Protein backbone atom coordinates (compact mmCIF):
# COMPACT_ATOMS: atom_id res chain seq x y z
CA MET A 1 94.08 -99.26 31.26
CA GLY A 2 96.88 -101.26 29.72
CA VAL A 3 97.22 -101.97 26.00
CA ILE A 4 97.76 -105.51 24.67
CA PRO A 5 99.19 -105.85 21.13
CA ASP A 6 98.08 -108.78 18.98
CA GLU A 7 101.51 -110.37 19.04
CA ALA A 8 101.31 -110.73 22.84
CA LEU A 9 97.97 -112.58 22.91
CA THR A 10 99.47 -116.07 22.64
CA GLU A 11 102.78 -115.29 24.32
CA TYR A 12 102.24 -117.93 27.02
CA TYR A 13 101.08 -120.70 24.71
CA GLU A 14 103.24 -123.26 26.49
CA ARG A 15 100.96 -123.01 29.54
CA VAL A 16 97.99 -124.50 27.65
CA ARG A 17 99.80 -127.50 26.20
CA GLY A 18 98.13 -130.68 27.45
CA LYS A 19 95.42 -128.74 29.31
CA THR A 20 91.72 -129.50 28.96
CA VAL A 21 89.63 -126.61 27.68
CA ILE A 22 85.81 -126.56 27.59
CA ILE A 23 84.18 -124.01 25.27
CA THR A 24 80.42 -123.55 25.03
CA GLY A 25 78.95 -122.26 21.78
CA ALA A 26 82.04 -123.55 19.97
CA GLY A 27 80.25 -124.62 16.79
CA ALA A 28 80.79 -121.29 15.04
CA SER A 29 82.35 -117.84 15.08
CA ILE A 30 84.12 -116.80 18.30
CA GLY A 31 83.70 -120.20 19.93
CA ARG A 32 85.03 -122.08 16.91
CA ALA A 33 87.98 -119.73 16.47
CA THR A 34 88.83 -120.07 20.16
CA ALA A 35 88.62 -123.87 20.07
CA ILE A 36 90.88 -124.03 17.02
CA LEU A 37 93.35 -121.62 18.60
CA PHE A 38 93.67 -123.56 21.86
CA ALA A 39 93.97 -126.87 20.00
CA SER A 40 96.68 -125.44 17.72
CA TYR A 41 98.84 -124.94 20.81
CA GLY A 42 98.35 -128.44 22.16
CA ALA A 43 95.29 -128.09 24.39
CA LYS A 44 92.64 -130.81 24.49
CA VAL A 45 89.33 -129.20 23.64
CA VAL A 46 85.74 -130.10 24.46
CA VAL A 47 83.62 -128.44 21.78
CA ALA A 48 80.10 -127.90 23.12
CA ASP A 49 77.25 -126.48 21.08
CA LYS A 50 73.47 -126.74 20.84
CA ASN A 51 73.99 -127.63 17.18
CA ALA A 52 75.71 -131.02 17.34
CA SER A 53 76.62 -130.95 13.65
CA SER A 54 78.38 -127.59 13.99
CA ALA A 55 80.27 -128.84 17.03
CA GLU A 56 81.46 -131.88 15.11
CA ASP A 57 82.55 -129.64 12.22
CA THR A 58 84.79 -127.73 14.64
CA VAL A 59 86.23 -131.00 15.94
CA SER A 60 86.87 -132.20 12.38
CA GLU A 61 88.78 -129.02 11.59
CA ILE A 62 90.86 -129.38 14.74
CA ARG A 63 91.66 -133.01 14.00
CA SER A 64 92.55 -132.21 10.40
CA ASN A 65 95.34 -130.07 11.86
CA GLU A 66 96.40 -132.91 14.18
CA GLY A 67 94.73 -131.37 17.22
CA GLU A 68 92.86 -133.22 19.96
CA ALA A 69 89.17 -132.55 20.54
CA THR A 70 85.80 -134.11 21.24
CA SER A 71 82.31 -132.69 20.93
CA CYS A 72 78.93 -132.82 22.62
CA ARG A 73 75.52 -131.35 22.09
CA CYS A 74 74.88 -128.89 24.91
CA ASP A 75 72.04 -126.47 25.55
CA VAL A 76 73.46 -124.21 28.25
CA THR A 77 69.98 -123.53 29.63
CA VAL A 78 69.67 -127.24 30.50
CA TRP A 79 71.55 -128.13 33.69
CA GLU A 80 71.82 -131.81 32.79
CA ASP A 81 73.44 -130.98 29.43
CA LEU A 82 76.13 -128.98 31.18
CA VAL A 83 76.80 -131.69 33.77
CA ALA A 84 77.19 -134.19 30.91
CA MET A 85 79.59 -131.79 29.15
CA TYR A 86 81.85 -131.55 32.21
CA ASP A 87 81.65 -135.30 32.83
CA LEU A 88 82.70 -135.91 29.22
CA ALA A 89 85.76 -133.69 29.69
CA VAL A 90 86.85 -135.64 32.77
CA GLN A 91 86.09 -138.99 31.14
CA GLU A 92 88.00 -138.17 27.94
CA PHE A 93 90.88 -136.07 29.25
CA GLY A 94 91.05 -136.59 33.02
CA SER A 95 90.53 -133.02 34.22
CA VAL A 96 89.13 -129.58 33.46
CA ASP A 97 91.59 -126.67 33.36
CA ILE A 98 89.98 -123.84 31.40
CA VAL A 99 86.30 -123.04 30.86
CA VAL A 100 85.14 -120.49 28.30
CA ALA A 101 81.50 -119.50 28.78
CA ASN A 102 80.95 -118.30 25.24
CA ALA A 103 77.45 -119.50 24.27
CA GLY A 104 75.12 -116.57 23.71
CA VAL A 105 72.32 -115.16 21.58
CA GLY A 106 71.18 -111.72 20.55
CA GLU A 107 67.87 -110.04 21.30
CA ILE A 108 65.19 -112.59 20.38
CA TYR A 109 62.33 -110.91 18.49
CA GLY A 110 62.73 -107.67 20.46
CA ARG A 111 59.66 -108.47 22.56
CA MET A 112 60.61 -105.93 25.25
CA LEU A 113 59.92 -103.31 22.59
CA ASP A 114 56.41 -104.50 21.85
CA ASP A 115 53.72 -102.70 19.88
CA PHE A 116 51.77 -101.14 22.73
CA SER A 117 49.02 -100.00 20.40
CA LYS A 118 47.65 -103.52 20.79
CA GLU A 119 44.76 -104.06 23.16
CA ARG A 120 46.83 -106.31 25.42
CA PRO A 121 50.62 -106.54 25.73
CA THR A 122 52.43 -109.67 24.62
CA LYS A 123 54.43 -111.68 27.13
CA PRO A 124 58.14 -111.17 26.30
CA LEU A 125 60.29 -114.13 25.39
CA THR A 126 63.15 -114.56 27.87
CA THR A 127 65.39 -116.70 25.66
CA THR A 128 68.10 -114.04 25.66
CA ILE A 129 68.20 -113.99 29.47
CA ASP A 130 67.96 -117.78 29.69
CA VAL A 131 71.00 -118.33 27.44
CA ASN A 132 73.17 -115.29 28.19
CA LEU A 133 72.64 -115.15 31.95
CA THR A 134 71.21 -118.40 33.31
CA GLY A 135 73.42 -120.42 30.98
CA VAL A 136 76.52 -118.54 32.17
CA LEU A 137 75.51 -118.94 35.83
CA TYR A 138 75.10 -122.70 35.36
CA THR A 139 78.41 -122.96 33.51
CA VAL A 140 80.36 -121.02 36.14
CA HIS A 141 78.68 -122.77 39.05
CA LEU A 142 79.73 -126.16 37.71
CA ALA A 143 83.19 -124.90 36.74
CA GLN A 144 84.01 -124.26 40.41
CA HIS A 145 83.55 -127.98 41.14
CA TYR A 146 85.14 -129.48 38.05
CA LEU A 147 88.20 -127.21 37.99
CA GLN A 148 89.09 -128.56 41.45
CA LEU A 149 88.33 -132.19 40.63
CA ASN A 150 91.48 -134.37 40.73
CA ARG A 151 93.49 -131.32 41.85
CA PRO A 152 95.90 -131.69 44.80
CA GLN A 153 94.55 -130.12 47.98
CA GLU A 154 97.71 -128.07 48.51
CA ASP A 155 97.15 -126.48 45.09
CA ARG A 156 93.74 -125.06 46.04
CA THR A 157 94.95 -121.84 47.63
CA SER A 158 95.60 -118.24 46.62
CA ARG A 159 99.31 -119.10 46.30
CA SER A 160 98.70 -121.58 43.49
CA SER A 161 100.34 -120.85 40.14
CA SER A 162 98.72 -123.72 38.25
CA LEU A 163 96.43 -122.92 35.33
CA LYS A 164 92.76 -123.09 36.35
CA ALA A 165 90.68 -120.41 34.68
CA VAL A 166 87.22 -119.30 33.64
CA VAL A 167 86.68 -116.72 30.90
CA LEU A 168 83.26 -115.15 30.40
CA VAL A 169 82.29 -113.62 27.08
CA GLY A 170 80.57 -110.29 27.56
CA SER A 171 80.04 -107.54 25.02
CA ILE A 172 80.31 -103.83 24.40
CA ALA A 173 76.77 -104.02 25.83
CA SER A 174 78.36 -104.83 29.21
CA TRP A 175 79.35 -101.16 29.32
CA THR A 176 76.79 -99.30 27.25
CA ALA A 177 73.07 -99.48 26.51
CA LEU A 178 71.86 -100.89 23.20
CA THR A 179 68.50 -99.16 22.94
CA GLN A 180 67.04 -101.78 20.60
CA ALA A 181 68.23 -104.69 22.73
CA PRO A 182 67.33 -104.19 26.41
CA MET A 183 67.40 -107.87 27.38
CA TYR A 184 70.71 -108.44 25.61
CA THR A 185 72.13 -105.35 27.34
CA ALA A 186 70.87 -106.56 30.73
CA SER A 187 72.37 -110.01 30.22
CA LYS A 188 75.78 -108.68 29.21
CA HIS A 189 75.87 -106.17 32.07
CA ALA A 190 75.21 -109.21 34.27
CA VAL A 191 78.18 -111.11 32.82
CA LEU A 192 80.51 -108.35 34.01
CA GLY A 193 78.81 -108.40 37.40
CA ILE A 194 79.22 -112.16 37.75
CA MET A 195 82.94 -111.90 37.02
CA ARG A 196 83.47 -109.09 39.52
CA SER A 197 81.39 -110.80 42.19
CA LEU A 198 83.27 -114.11 41.99
CA ASP A 199 86.78 -112.70 41.61
CA SER A 200 87.85 -112.75 45.28
CA SER A 201 86.26 -116.13 45.97
CA PHE A 202 87.98 -117.67 42.97
CA ALA A 203 91.34 -116.15 43.87
CA SER A 204 91.20 -117.56 47.40
CA ARG A 205 90.89 -121.06 45.93
CA GLY A 206 93.63 -120.78 43.32
CA LEU A 207 91.19 -120.16 40.46
CA ARG A 208 91.08 -117.21 38.09
CA ILE A 209 88.18 -115.53 36.34
CA ALA A 210 88.07 -112.78 33.72
CA SER A 211 85.66 -111.38 31.16
CA ILE A 212 86.14 -110.14 27.61
CA HIS A 213 84.02 -107.45 26.00
CA PRO A 214 84.22 -107.15 22.21
CA PHE A 215 82.54 -104.70 19.88
CA PHE A 216 80.35 -106.33 17.19
CA ALA A 217 82.40 -109.23 15.86
CA GLY A 218 83.37 -110.02 12.29
CA MET A 219 86.16 -111.13 9.99
CA TYR A 220 86.15 -107.80 8.22
CA ARG A 221 88.93 -105.23 7.85
CA PHE A 222 91.47 -107.57 9.38
CA SER A 223 94.37 -108.60 7.18
CA LEU A 224 95.46 -112.21 6.83
CA ALA A 225 98.91 -111.14 7.94
CA SER A 226 97.42 -109.77 11.16
CA MET A 227 95.47 -112.98 11.70
CA ASP A 228 98.68 -114.95 11.33
CA VAL A 229 100.19 -112.95 14.21
CA ILE A 230 97.64 -114.70 16.43
CA HIS A 231 97.53 -118.00 14.56
CA PRO A 232 96.94 -118.82 10.86
CA SER A 233 94.63 -121.74 11.66
CA ILE A 234 91.74 -119.49 12.69
CA ARG A 235 91.28 -117.74 9.35
CA SER A 236 88.25 -119.89 8.63
CA ALA A 237 86.15 -118.75 11.62
CA THR A 238 82.93 -117.12 10.51
CA SER A 239 81.39 -113.77 11.39
CA LEU A 240 79.13 -113.52 14.41
CA VAL A 241 77.15 -110.55 13.10
CA PRO A 242 73.94 -111.45 11.19
CA GLY A 243 73.51 -110.08 7.67
CA ILE A 244 70.88 -107.52 8.60
CA VAL A 245 73.08 -106.12 11.37
CA ARG A 246 76.07 -106.03 9.02
CA LEU A 247 74.01 -103.78 6.76
CA GLN A 248 73.25 -101.47 9.68
CA LEU A 249 76.95 -101.41 10.59
CA ALA A 250 78.08 -100.83 7.00
CA GLY A 251 81.27 -98.79 6.97
CA ILE A 252 81.99 -99.38 10.67
CA PRO A 253 85.02 -101.62 11.37
CA LEU A 254 84.06 -104.68 13.43
CA ALA A 255 86.07 -106.42 16.14
CA PRO A 256 87.97 -109.22 14.36
CA VAL A 257 87.02 -112.72 15.48
CA PRO A 258 90.68 -113.92 15.51
CA ARG A 259 91.58 -111.10 17.88
CA ILE A 260 88.65 -111.93 20.15
CA ALA A 261 89.79 -115.57 20.26
CA GLY A 262 93.30 -114.38 21.02
CA VAL A 263 92.10 -112.22 23.92
CA ILE A 264 90.23 -115.20 25.41
CA PHE A 265 93.48 -117.18 25.10
CA TYR A 266 95.42 -114.37 26.80
CA ALA A 267 92.91 -113.97 29.64
CA ALA A 268 93.08 -117.69 30.37
CA SER A 269 96.79 -118.31 29.96
CA HIS A 270 98.69 -115.23 31.14
CA PRO A 271 100.45 -115.98 34.45
CA ASP A 272 100.13 -112.43 35.85
CA PRO A 273 97.66 -112.60 38.79
CA THR A 274 96.32 -109.15 37.88
CA CYS A 275 94.70 -110.69 34.79
CA SER A 276 92.26 -112.38 37.15
CA GLY A 277 89.34 -110.13 38.00
CA ALA A 278 90.11 -108.04 34.93
CA ALA A 279 87.90 -107.11 31.99
CA PHE A 280 89.29 -107.01 28.47
CA TRP A 281 87.82 -104.45 26.09
CA ILE A 282 88.15 -105.23 22.38
CA PRO A 283 87.20 -102.14 20.32
CA ASP A 284 86.31 -102.05 16.65
CA GLY A 285 88.66 -102.45 13.70
CA GLY A 286 92.37 -101.95 14.15
CA ALA A 287 92.26 -100.54 17.68
CA PRO A 288 94.28 -102.55 20.20
CA THR A 289 92.86 -104.54 23.10
CA PHE A 290 92.69 -102.89 26.51
CA ILE A 291 92.89 -104.59 29.90
CA ILE A 292 90.96 -103.03 32.77
CA PRO A 293 92.29 -104.43 36.08
CA ARG A 294 89.96 -104.84 39.04
CA GLU A 295 91.47 -101.77 40.72
CA GLU A 296 90.38 -99.53 37.84
CA PHE A 297 86.68 -100.25 38.10
CA LYS A 298 86.41 -97.48 40.69
CA PRO A 299 87.00 -94.30 38.63
CA GLY A 300 84.21 -92.42 36.92
CA VAL A 301 80.75 -93.86 36.98
CA TYR A 302 81.74 -96.87 39.10
CA GLU A 303 83.12 -94.59 41.82
CA TYR A 304 79.98 -92.47 41.68
CA ILE A 305 77.67 -95.49 41.98
CA ASP A 306 79.80 -96.91 44.78
CA SER A 307 79.69 -93.70 46.82
CA LYS A 308 75.95 -93.28 46.33
CA SER A 309 75.16 -96.86 47.34
CA ASN A 310 77.40 -96.60 50.41
CA ALA A 311 75.71 -93.34 51.40
CA ALA A 312 72.30 -94.96 51.02
CA SER A 313 73.39 -97.89 53.19
CA LYS A 314 74.52 -95.53 55.97
CA TYR A 315 71.26 -93.64 55.78
CA ASP A 316 69.26 -96.86 56.11
CA MET A 317 71.28 -97.85 59.18
CA ILE A 318 70.64 -94.49 60.84
CA SER A 319 66.94 -94.56 59.98
CA TYR A 320 66.35 -97.95 61.54
């Protein structure tokens, strides 16, 4: 794993100037910070959020700093909302260059952990899966079309160096089990799987895809001076962690929202091809960001699972 210092996160800011960036869930926290960061370096941002008022607040903040942005109400579980979001980007700015699939929710009501002393079990709500998985699948599916729209045919190959990227927002739960949040854990494991599954297909068409995996996010224990290393304009982004969870995490440093936004920026803008197909791990507090290239998914548990599944496949072939 490689280490990425904060000061390197926006090193290639010139690459995003004039580009069109779509960010779902950009009305608050990580999404808002990311939208403000891209806009501060000259990108044109489509701020999408289920809460139209929050989306417009993000746009207002961007415009107050002379940035360029527009907003739309978008429920990522509704296909038509996402199509309208992409159409708006093309209508307003002429193309789509970067897509950040950020919209997500936590475990809704914990219905997978029901009270089984009841006479009959309660049907679990699937909102977490609908938003965190189906919403991401819809977003990425459409991204493949709109990233290529109005793009020269000769630029749609693995040799392309133009900036066309998708960044998926996973979680520490992409790697580990949160025992009180099984649906959230399943959805974030799936985000990593989507990225890995699409990597080679994207690369063959001159597109890049990566995923970022932060610890619980917050503005805590992160100095203003450190924020300014990434960009001073994102100081105002709010914490993602709800109050009750903050109490449970009391004393534990959180992953700073400005750093998370910076890692999304890095994953989208860095010209090194090895950033595509990579996962970015953002630990708690002052720990640096780590990049895990596609080639390093094999060691440890991934190698073990791979060997076992291959052995099972061979056995099935022999049996039949």
